[in-house]
Amino acid sequence: MVIKREPTQPKTPGQLIRAYRLERGISMEQMAEFLYCSKSELSQIENGHKSISRMKQLLWSCMVPHWTPEMLQSDEPRS
């Protein structure tokens, strides 16, 4: 028996970025180059270990049409 899973909506900025990247078959290296960040920074963001700076939220939302700065902002309070 095969259980079909409904696709889940990304809940964090990192999940949103990873989903976008994987849906389009883009490697982490290619995505990092596109977003003007390092591969390690992108990995940290995708895995929820690093938040996205406000400047990058604005830049990335200009680069990917359906992203907004609010979508790339974590719900966690910043210290």
C-alpha atoms as a PDB file:
ATOM      1  CA  MET A   1       0.000   0.000   0.000  1.00  0.00           C
ATOM      2  CA  VAL A   2       1.358   3.413  -0.967  1.00  0.00           C
ATOM      3  CA  ILE A   3       0.423   6.406   1.133  1.00  0.00           C
ATOM      4  CA  LYS A   4       0.362   9.656  -0.768  1.00  0.00           C
ATOM      5  CA  ARG A   5       1.507  12.681   1.153  1.00  0.00           C
ATOM      6  CA  GLU A   6       0.172  16.088   0.414  1.00  0.00           C
ATOM      7  CA  PRO A   7       2.935  18.602  -0.234  1.00  0.00           C
ATOM      8  CA  THR A   8       3.445  20.717   2.841  1.00  0.00           C
ATOM      9  CA  GLN A   9       3.884  24.441   2.702  1.00  0.00           C
ATOM     10  CA  PRO A  10       7.277  25.725   3.821  1.00  0.00           C
ATOM     11  CA  LYS A  11       7.043  27.140   7.335  1.00  0.00           C
ATOM     12  CA  THR A  12      10.374  28.900   7.708  1.00  0.00           C
ATOM     13  CA  PRO A  13      12.396  31.125   5.370  1.00  0.00           C
ATOM     14  CA  GLY A  14      14.968  28.338   5.003  1.00  0.00           C
ATOM     15  CA  GLN A  15      12.280  25.815   4.078  1.00  0.00           C
ATOM     16  CA  LEU A  16      10.865  28.268   1.542  1.00  0.00           C
ATOM     17  CA  ILE A  17      14.271  28.709  -0.080  1.00  0.00           C
ATOM     18  CA  ARG A  18      14.998  24.965  -0.087  1.00  0.00           C
ATOM     19  CA  ALA A  19      11.571  24.156  -1.581  1.00  0.00           C
ATOM     20  CA  TYR A  20      12.071  26.783  -4.304  1.00  0.00           C
ATOM     21  CA  ARG A  21      15.551  25.438  -5.079  1.00  0.00           C
ATOM     22  CA  LEU A  22      14.532  21.765  -5.161  1.00  0.00           C
ATOM     23  CA  GLU A  23      11.348  22.357  -7.196  1.00  0.00           C
ATOM     24  CA  ARG A  24      13.490  23.918  -9.893  1.00  0.00           C
ATOM     25  CA  GLY A  25      16.361  21.430  -9.703  1.00  0.00           C
ATOM     26  CA  ILE A  26      18.865  24.104  -8.717  1.00  0.00           C
ATOM     27  CA  SER A  27      21.998  23.012  -6.859  1.00  0.00           C
ATOM     28  CA  MET A  28      22.950  24.670  -3.603  1.00  0.00           C
ATOM     29  CA  GLU A  29      26.036  26.141  -5.317  1.00  0.00           C
ATOM     30  CA  GLN A  30      23.940  27.637  -8.115  1.00  0.00           C
ATOM     31  CA  MET A  31      21.380  29.057  -5.692  1.00  0.00           C
ATOM     32  CA  ALA A  32      24.066  30.564  -3.479  1.00  0.00           C
ATOM     33  CA  GLU A  33      25.659  32.214  -6.508  1.00  0.00           C
ATOM     34  CA  PHE A  34      22.261  33.532  -7.642  1.00  0.00           C
ATOM     35  CA  LEU A  35      21.508  34.933  -4.174  1.00  0.00           C
ATOM     36  CA  TYR A  36      24.989  36.450  -3.722  1.00  0.00           C
ATOM     37  CA  CYS A  37      25.853  34.413  -0.635  1.00  0.00           C
ATOM     38  CA  SER A  38      28.185  31.551   0.181  1.00  0.00           C
ATOM     39  CA  LYS A  39      27.119  27.930  -0.035  1.00  0.00           C
ATOM     40  CA  SER A  40      27.744  27.530   3.709  1.00  0.00           C
ATOM     41  CA  GLU A  41      25.566  30.558   4.527  1.00  0.00           C
ATOM     42  CA  LEU A  42      22.766  29.195   2.339  1.00  0.00           C
ATOM     43  CA  SER A  43      23.063  25.810   4.051  1.00  0.00           C
ATOM     44  CA  GLN A  44      22.842  27.438   7.487  1.00  0.00           C
ATOM     45  CA  ILE A  45      19.766  29.420   6.413  1.00  0.00           C
ATOM     46  CA  GLU A  46      18.069  26.363   4.879  1.00  0.00           C
ATOM     47  CA  ASN A  47      18.713  24.362   8.055  1.00  0.00           C
ATOM     48  CA  GLY A  48      17.418  27.122  10.338  1.00  0.00           C
ATOM     49  CA  HIS A  49      20.778  27.853  11.964  1.00  0.00           C
ATOM     50  CA  LYS A  50      21.062  31.400  10.627  1.00  0.00           C
ATOM     51  CA  SER A  51      18.529  34.157  10.029  1.00  0.00           C
ATOM     52  CA  ILE A  52      18.476  36.280   6.901  1.00  0.00           C
ATOM     53  CA  SER A  53      19.598  39.874   7.308  1.00  0.00           C
ATOM     54  CA  ARG A  54      17.048  42.556   6.488  1.00  0.00           C
ATOM     55  CA  MET A  55      19.191  43.721   3.570  1.00  0.00           C
ATOM     56  CA  LYS A  56      19.230  40.213   2.064  1.00  0.00           C
ATOM     57  CA  GLN A  57      15.483  39.859   2.642  1.00  0.00           C
ATOM     58  CA  LEU A  58      14.953  42.973   0.536  1.00  0.00           C
ATOM     59  CA  LEU A  59      17.482  41.977  -2.136  1.00  0.00           C
ATOM     60  CA  TRP A  60      16.225  38.414  -2.464  1.00  0.00           C
ATOM     61  CA  SER A  61      12.598  39.514  -2.634  1.00  0.00           C
ATOM     62  CA  CYS A  62      13.533  41.705  -5.598  1.00  0.00           C
ATOM     63  CA  MET A  63      15.294  38.800  -7.297  1.00  0.00           C
ATOM     64  CA  VAL A  64      12.566  36.168  -6.881  1.00  0.00           C
ATOM     65  CA  PRO A  65       9.229  37.688  -7.944  1.00  0.00           C
ATOM     66  CA  HIS A  66       6.857  35.824  -5.608  1.00  0.00           C
ATOM     67  CA  TRP A  67       9.032  36.184  -2.489  1.00  0.00           C
ATOM     68  CA  THR A  68       8.364  39.062  -0.119  1.00  0.00           C
ATOM     69  CA  PRO A  69      10.629  40.331   2.662  1.00  0.00           C
ATOM     70  CA  GLU A  70       8.015  39.127   5.183  1.00  0.00           C
ATOM     71  CA  MET A  71       8.202  35.576   3.797  1.00  0.00           C
ATOM     72  CA  LEU A  72      11.943  35.598   4.411  1.00  0.00           C
ATOM     73  CA  GLN A  73      11.662  36.853   7.975  1.00  0.00           C
ATOM     74  CA  SER A  74      11.781  34.367  10.827  1.00  0.00           C
ATOM     75  CA  ASP A  75       9.070  34.393  13.477  1.00  0.00           C
ATOM     76  CA  GLU A  76      11.725  33.919  16.131  1.00  0.00           C
ATOM     77  CA  PRO A  77      12.755  37.039  18.045  1.00  0.00           C
ATOM     78  CA  ARG A  78      16.183  38.306  17.101  1.00  0.00           C
ATOM     79  CA  SER A  79      18.777  38.947  19.741  1.00  0.00           C
END
